[in-house]
């Protein structure tokens, strides 16, 4: 059974795709983004997946790939087209190759036109395909740089993508309007650049007159991606908190384990964000906890010490997770949520005040 997630990077409007075999837990990531490596790593950990490959559909001009960072963090292999010109990959893909994960695989189809190293990836049962910047939702990638070729793109769309079953779902590398998925049938009929009765000449003329601006990030993205994202600097690693052993969740929250907190209560400011009746109620409270209800937290944040780490706590961990967001917006850098809240704290038999349960 396939595990599938569509992930989004807002800055570059890039989609990253996670596919995994639910039986073996082996996974691949398509078009990972450097700034989202921590987020995607957290998702892999939460789902219990082992990343085998990162696959870039081409050398991107609008963001830096996370391929090298994932290799460093997870041991995954880097895969990219053999025609891409990129250095440092573990596997250079050619038309017809397979990227296997568990009992599933992605078939590589060469679809140059946006760049000369573009590939599309088709799931083994042809129920979905990942088209990179070749075929977008009601659009296509541009063809005016990186050895782009409008006529090659037109032919590759018709020969490699439009020959898939009509109900095959198509997932692009980008979308700038909020659309998430399309199908072969839709694009054959409705794509305004090459669908319907439009010819190769029509498409070439259309693309020659787009007059698009220079990609904003191309000057640093291209060199980085030609090295598969390898860098001497590692901002995602450097930003890891050092004040406690924290876990980063896919929801974007730093969490702390009850055991560490119990052993280090004097090293943090412990803020209980429940309501007063809960703070004094039967579930009890952690010794040294200070009550600052969630509704009042933003207004009273200046009462807290920015030089001492903060741990937030509530009944089950939901409100206190939101509290970490509020505190970070208020300028507090060292903030974490108590995983599981008071329910977990009590279930593990840890010390409380005023509790009667």
Protein backbone atom coordinates (compact mmCIF):
# COMPACT_ATOMS: atom_id res chain seq x y z
CA UNK A 1 0.00 0.00 0.00
CA UNK A 2 1.28 3.45 -0.91
CA UNK A 3 1.88 6.19 1.64
CA UNK A 4 1.68 9.54 -0.13
CA UNK A 5 2.10 13.13 1.07
CA UNK A 6 2.18 16.38 -0.91
CA UNK A 7 4.26 19.03 0.87
CA UNK A 8 4.63 22.72 0.04
CA UNK A 9 7.30 25.39 0.34
CA UNK A 10 5.58 28.76 0.33
CA UNK A 11 8.61 30.89 -0.53
CA UNK A 12 9.33 29.09 -3.81
CA UNK A 13 5.84 27.63 -4.43
CA UNK A 14 7.52 24.22 -4.68
CA UNK A 15 5.80 20.90 -4.11
CA UNK A 16 7.80 18.11 -2.52
CA UNK A 17 6.36 14.60 -2.70
CA UNK A 18 6.84 11.79 -0.20
CA UNK A 19 6.07 8.25 -1.36
CA UNK A 20 6.60 5.14 0.75
CA UNK A 21 5.74 1.45 0.88
CA UNK A 22 3.59 0.92 3.99
CA UNK A 23 4.88 -2.64 4.42
CA UNK A 24 8.64 -2.05 4.25
CA UNK A 25 8.50 1.65 5.33
CA UNK A 26 10.98 2.48 2.55
CA UNK A 27 10.48 5.97 1.11
CA UNK A 28 11.53 8.43 -1.58
CA UNK A 29 11.28 12.22 -1.68
CA UNK A 30 10.80 14.07 -4.96
CA UNK A 31 12.11 17.66 -5.28
CA UNK A 32 13.06 18.36 -1.64
CA UNK A 33 13.67 21.98 -0.58
CA UNK A 34 16.72 22.91 1.51
CA UNK A 35 14.82 25.10 3.99
CA UNK A 36 12.27 22.33 4.65
CA UNK A 37 14.71 19.51 5.48
CA UNK A 38 13.97 19.69 9.19
CA UNK A 39 10.22 19.60 8.59
CA UNK A 40 10.40 16.64 6.23
CA UNK A 41 12.82 14.78 8.52
CA UNK A 42 10.31 15.14 11.34
CA UNK A 43 7.59 13.67 9.12
CA UNK A 44 9.77 10.72 8.19
CA UNK A 45 10.45 10.09 11.88
CA UNK A 46 6.79 10.40 12.86
CA UNK A 47 5.68 7.97 10.16
CA UNK A 48 8.53 5.56 10.87
CA UNK A 49 9.91 5.73 7.32
CA UNK A 50 13.43 5.07 6.00
CA UNK A 51 14.42 7.41 3.20
CA UNK A 52 16.17 5.60 0.35
CA UNK A 53 16.36 8.35 -2.28
CA UNK A 54 15.85 12.01 -2.90
CA UNK A 55 15.06 12.58 -6.58
CA UNK A 56 15.25 15.98 -8.24
CA UNK A 57 13.26 16.25 -11.45
CA UNK A 58 15.78 18.79 -12.78
CA UNK A 59 18.35 21.39 -11.71
CA UNK A 60 16.07 23.98 -10.14
CA UNK A 61 16.52 27.72 -10.61
CA UNK A 62 14.13 28.95 -7.91
CA UNK A 63 15.24 27.08 -4.78
CA UNK A 64 18.11 25.01 -3.46
CA UNK A 65 17.55 21.27 -3.26
CA UNK A 66 17.59 19.50 0.10
CA UNK A 67 19.21 16.39 -1.44
CA UNK A 68 22.64 16.78 0.12
CA UNK A 69 21.21 17.68 3.53
CA UNK A 70 18.99 14.59 3.51
CA UNK A 71 21.98 12.44 2.60
CA UNK A 72 23.89 13.92 5.51
CA UNK A 73 21.03 13.46 7.97
CA UNK A 74 19.49 10.16 6.87
CA UNK A 75 22.02 8.42 4.66
CA UNK A 76 19.69 8.59 1.66
CA UNK A 77 21.06 8.53 -1.87
CA UNK A 78 20.87 11.45 -4.29
CA UNK A 79 19.33 10.77 -7.70
CA UNK A 80 19.05 13.13 -10.67
CA UNK A 81 19.04 12.91 -14.46
CA UNK A 82 22.29 11.91 -16.15
CA UNK A 83 21.73 14.85 -18.52
CA UNK A 84 21.44 17.39 -15.70
CA UNK A 85 25.13 18.30 -15.47
CA UNK A 86 24.95 18.04 -11.67
CA UNK A 87 27.88 16.65 -9.71
CA UNK A 88 27.83 14.72 -6.46
CA UNK A 89 24.82 12.45 -7.04
CA UNK A 90 24.84 8.78 -6.11
CA UNK A 91 22.70 7.74 -9.04
CA UNK A 92 22.33 9.32 -12.46
CA UNK A 93 18.99 8.44 -13.98
CA UNK A 94 18.22 7.65 -17.59
CA UNK A 95 14.98 7.14 -19.46
CA UNK A 96 13.42 3.81 -18.46
CA UNK A 97 15.25 3.45 -15.15
CA UNK A 98 13.35 2.44 -12.02
CA UNK A 99 13.62 3.89 -8.53
CA UNK A 100 12.39 1.14 -6.24
CA UNK A 101 11.09 1.51 -2.70
CA UNK A 102 9.74 -1.65 -1.14
CA UNK A 103 7.45 -3.44 -3.59
CA UNK A 104 6.78 -0.18 -5.47
CA UNK A 105 8.77 1.76 -8.01
CA UNK A 106 8.87 4.98 -10.00
CA UNK A 107 9.63 4.77 -13.71
CA UNK A 108 11.90 7.51 -15.07
CA UNK A 109 10.75 9.23 -18.26
CA UNK A 110 13.02 11.79 -19.89
CA UNK A 111 11.00 14.97 -20.55
CA UNK A 112 13.52 17.71 -21.50
CA UNK A 113 12.32 21.08 -22.68
CA UNK A 114 12.26 23.24 -19.56
CA UNK A 115 15.88 22.17 -19.09
CA UNK A 116 17.82 19.54 -20.95
CA UNK A 117 17.97 17.39 -17.81
CA UNK A 118 14.25 17.25 -16.93
CA UNK A 119 12.64 13.95 -15.98
CA UNK A 120 9.14 12.90 -15.00
CA UNK A 121 8.42 10.01 -12.63
CA UNK A 122 5.54 7.58 -13.12
CA UNK A 123 4.26 5.30 -10.36
CA UNK A 124 4.35 1.63 -11.33
CA UNK A 125 0.56 1.28 -11.73
CA UNK A 126 0.40 4.55 -13.73
CA UNK A 127 -2.13 6.00 -11.30
CA UNK A 128 0.03 9.09 -10.73
CA UNK A 129 2.99 10.86 -12.29
CA UNK A 130 5.28 13.62 -11.09
CA UNK A 131 5.98 16.03 -13.92
CA UNK A 132 8.52 18.43 -12.44
CA UNK A 133 8.58 21.71 -14.35
CA UNK A 134 7.68 20.09 -17.65
CA UNK A 135 3.90 19.99 -17.40
CA UNK A 136 2.21 22.23 -14.83
CA UNK A 137 -1.46 22.56 -13.97
CA UNK A 138 -2.91 24.44 -16.97
CA UNK A 139 0.59 25.48 -17.91
CA UNK A 140 4.18 24.39 -18.55
CA UNK A 141 7.64 25.29 -17.39
CA UNK A 142 9.43 28.10 -19.20
CA UNK A 143 11.84 27.25 -22.01
CA UNK A 144 14.02 30.36 -22.28
CA UNK A 145 17.10 29.33 -20.27
CA UNK A 146 19.08 26.23 -19.14
CA UNK A 147 19.06 24.82 -22.68
CA UNK A 148 15.28 25.04 -22.86
CA UNK A 149 13.55 23.91 -26.02
CA UNK A 150 9.85 24.54 -26.58
CA UNK A 151 9.48 22.07 -29.41
CA UNK A 152 11.19 19.32 -27.40
CA UNK A 153 8.86 20.04 -24.48
CA UNK A 154 5.77 19.80 -26.67
CA UNK A 155 6.84 16.45 -28.10
CA UNK A 156 7.81 15.04 -24.71
CA UNK A 157 4.52 16.04 -23.12
CA UNK A 158 2.59 14.27 -25.89
CA UNK A 159 4.85 11.24 -26.11
CA UNK A 160 5.74 10.64 -22.46
CA UNK A 161 2.86 12.12 -20.43
CA UNK A 162 -0.25 12.31 -22.58
CA UNK A 163 0.19 8.63 -23.46
CA UNK A 164 -0.51 7.73 -19.82
CA UNK A 165 -4.08 6.67 -18.88
CA UNK A 166 -6.52 9.56 -18.94
CA UNK A 167 -7.29 9.18 -15.23
CA UNK A 168 -3.60 9.27 -14.26
CA UNK A 169 -3.14 12.06 -11.72
CA UNK A 170 -0.40 14.55 -12.51
CA UNK A 171 1.54 16.32 -9.76
CA UNK A 172 3.80 19.24 -10.80
CA UNK A 173 6.86 20.64 -9.04
CA UNK A 174 5.24 24.06 -8.69
CA UNK A 175 1.94 25.86 -8.65
CA UNK A 176 1.47 29.58 -8.09
CA UNK A 177 -2.32 29.68 -7.77
CA UNK A 178 -3.02 27.08 -5.10
CA UNK A 179 -3.91 24.16 -7.37
CA UNK A 180 -2.56 20.81 -6.20
CA UNK A 181 -3.25 18.12 -8.81
CA UNK A 182 -4.59 17.58 -12.30
CA UNK A 183 -5.00 14.64 -14.68
CA UNK A 184 -3.95 13.59 -18.15
CA UNK A 185 -7.49 14.03 -19.44
CA UNK A 186 -7.77 17.56 -18.03
CA UNK A 187 -4.48 18.78 -19.44
CA UNK A 188 -5.05 17.20 -22.85
CA UNK A 189 -8.31 19.13 -23.08
CA UNK A 190 -7.86 22.33 -21.07
CA UNK A 191 -4.16 23.24 -20.98
CA UNK A 192 -4.12 26.65 -22.74
CA UNK A 193 -0.56 26.23 -24.00
CA UNK A 194 -0.62 22.81 -25.63
CA UNK A 195 -4.00 21.14 -25.05
CA UNK A 196 -6.95 20.73 -27.36
CA UNK A 197 -6.13 21.25 -31.01
CA UNK A 198 -3.00 23.35 -30.46
CA UNK A 199 0.00 22.35 -32.55
CA UNK A 200 3.73 22.32 -31.93
CA UNK A 201 4.02 25.58 -33.89
CA UNK A 202 1.31 27.15 -31.73
CA UNK A 203 3.18 26.12 -28.59
CA UNK A 204 6.57 27.33 -29.83
CA UNK A 205 5.07 30.72 -30.71
CA UNK A 206 3.34 30.96 -27.34
CA UNK A 207 6.55 30.19 -25.42
CA UNK A 208 8.65 32.57 -27.49
CA UNK A 209 6.48 35.49 -26.39
CA UNK A 210 6.10 34.92 -22.65
CA UNK A 211 8.67 37.63 -21.77
CA UNK A 212 9.12 36.32 -18.22
CA UNK A 213 11.40 38.02 -15.67
CA UNK A 214 14.72 36.47 -14.66
CA UNK A 215 14.21 33.94 -11.82
CA UNK A 216 14.95 35.74 -8.55
CA UNK A 217 17.07 33.01 -6.97
CA UNK A 218 18.80 31.60 -10.04
CA UNK A 219 22.21 33.15 -9.33
CA UNK A 220 22.72 31.13 -6.14
CA UNK A 221 20.24 28.29 -6.69
CA UNK A 222 21.79 27.07 -9.93
CA UNK A 223 25.37 26.68 -8.65
CA UNK A 224 24.12 25.03 -5.45
CA UNK A 225 21.90 22.61 -7.35
CA UNK A 226 24.65 21.70 -9.78
CA UNK A 227 26.39 20.42 -6.62
CA UNK A 228 23.19 18.64 -5.45
CA UNK A 229 22.74 21.20 -2.67
CA UNK A 230 26.11 20.58 -1.04
CA UNK A 231 27.27 23.50 1.08
CA UNK A 232 29.96 24.25 3.63
CA UNK A 233 27.29 25.86 5.80
CA UNK A 234 24.40 24.03 7.42
CA UNK A 235 21.90 26.56 8.74
CA UNK A 236 19.32 23.93 9.63
CA UNK A 237 21.89 22.10 11.73
CA UNK A 238 23.29 25.29 13.24
CA UNK A 239 19.82 26.33 14.36
CA UNK A 240 19.30 23.19 16.45
CA UNK A 241 18.62 24.24 20.08
CA UNK A 242 21.46 23.40 22.46
CA UNK A 243 19.81 24.06 25.80
CA UNK A 244 17.97 20.73 25.98
CA UNK A 245 17.43 17.52 23.95
CA UNK A 246 14.40 18.59 21.92
CA UNK A 247 12.30 16.88 19.24
CA UNK A 248 10.96 18.80 16.26
CA UNK A 249 7.46 17.79 15.14
CA UNK A 250 5.99 17.95 11.66
CA UNK A 251 3.63 20.62 13.02
CA UNK A 252 6.68 22.84 13.55
CA UNK A 253 6.81 22.61 17.34
CA UNK A 254 9.86 21.90 19.51
CA UNK A 255 8.94 19.38 22.22
CA UNK A 256 10.68 18.28 25.39
CA UNK A 257 10.38 14.95 27.20
CA UNK A 258 8.97 14.82 30.77
CA UNK A 259 12.02 13.01 32.18
CA UNK A 260 14.46 15.74 31.15
CA UNK A 261 12.15 18.44 32.48
CA UNK A 262 11.71 16.76 35.87
CA UNK A 263 15.48 16.50 36.24
CA UNK A 264 16.08 20.11 35.17
CA UNK A 265 13.18 22.14 36.58
CA UNK A 266 15.54 24.80 37.94
CA UNK A 267 17.08 25.41 34.51
CA UNK A 268 13.87 26.61 32.83
CA UNK A 269 10.86 28.85 33.25
CA UNK A 270 7.89 26.48 33.41
CA UNK A 271 4.73 28.21 32.19
CA UNK A 272 1.36 26.50 32.68
CA UNK A 273 -1.11 27.94 30.16
CA UNK A 274 -4.27 26.31 31.50
CA UNK A 275 -7.10 28.22 33.17
CA UNK A 276 -6.90 28.93 36.93
CA UNK A 277 -9.48 26.26 37.84
CA UNK A 278 -7.42 23.67 35.97
CA UNK A 279 -4.18 24.85 37.55
CA UNK A 280 -5.73 24.32 40.99
CA UNK A 281 -7.77 21.29 39.89
CA UNK A 282 -7.46 17.54 40.47
CA UNK A 283 -4.90 16.95 37.71
CA UNK A 284 -2.47 19.03 39.73
CA UNK A 285 0.46 21.11 38.56
CA UNK A 286 4.18 20.60 38.18
CA UNK A 287 6.28 22.02 41.02
CA UNK A 288 7.71 25.44 40.12
CA UNK A 289 5.11 25.99 37.38
CA UNK A 290 3.84 29.53 36.90
CA UNK A 291 0.29 30.15 35.70
CA UNK A 292 -0.10 32.34 32.61
CA UNK A 293 -3.30 31.33 30.84
CA UNK A 294 -3.07 31.08 27.07
CA UNK A 295 -5.52 33.94 26.52
CA UNK A 296 -3.33 36.31 28.54
CA UNK A 297 0.06 35.05 27.42
CA UNK A 298 0.75 37.49 24.60
CA UNK A 299 -0.13 40.51 26.74
CA UNK A 300 2.02 39.33 29.65
CA UNK A 301 4.96 37.89 27.74
CA UNK A 302 7.16 40.83 28.77
CA UNK A 303 7.02 39.49 32.35
CA UNK A 304 9.18 36.55 31.30
CA UNK A 305 12.97 36.36 31.11
CA UNK A 306 14.23 36.10 27.53
CA UNK A 307 17.60 34.83 28.74
CA UNK A 308 16.21 31.67 30.36
CA UNK A 309 14.57 28.82 28.37
CA UNK A 310 10.81 28.39 28.63
CA UNK A 311 8.80 25.17 28.73
CA UNK A 312 5.05 25.45 28.28
CA UNK A 313 2.53 22.95 29.63
CA UNK A 314 -1.23 22.38 29.52
CA UNK A 315 -3.58 19.42 29.97
CA UNK A 316 -2.60 17.39 26.86
CA UNK A 317 -0.09 19.51 24.93
CA UNK A 318 -2.33 21.33 22.46
CA UNK A 319 -2.71 24.75 24.04
CA UNK A 320 0.90 24.72 25.19
CA UNK A 321 2.01 24.04 21.60
CA UNK A 322 0.21 27.21 20.55
CA UNK A 323 1.87 28.99 23.46
CA UNK A 324 5.30 28.25 22.01
CA UNK A 325 4.24 29.94 18.77
CA UNK A 326 3.01 33.01 20.68
CA UNK A 327 6.25 33.24 22.65
CA UNK A 328 8.43 32.84 19.57
CA UNK A 329 6.54 35.67 17.89
CA UNK A 330 7.21 37.75 21.01
CA UNK A 331 10.94 37.24 20.58
CA UNK A 332 11.67 34.25 22.80
CA UNK A 333 14.15 31.95 21.08
CA UNK A 334 14.50 29.08 23.57
CA UNK A 335 10.96 27.69 23.90
CA UNK A 336 9.63 24.13 23.98
CA UNK A 337 6.34 22.35 24.60
CA UNK A 338 5.99 19.59 27.21
CA UNK A 339 5.05 16.58 25.09
CA UNK A 340 1.75 15.08 26.22
CA UNK A 341 1.10 17.74 28.84
CA UNK A 342 -0.09 16.99 32.36
CA UNK A 343 -1.84 13.81 31.25
CA UNK A 344 1.45 12.23 30.24
CA UNK A 345 3.25 13.71 33.24
CA UNK A 346 0.75 12.10 35.61
CA UNK A 347 0.65 8.82 33.66
CA UNK A 348 4.40 8.50 34.13
CA UNK A 349 4.05 9.01 37.87
CA UNK A 350 5.98 12.26 38.08
CA UNK A 351 5.74 14.70 40.99
CA UNK A 352 2.79 17.09 41.18
CA UNK A 353 1.42 19.65 43.59
CA UNK A 354 -2.22 19.95 44.58
CA UNK A 355 -3.27 16.87 42.61
CA UNK A 356 -5.98 14.48 43.77
CA UNK A 357 -6.32 12.05 40.86
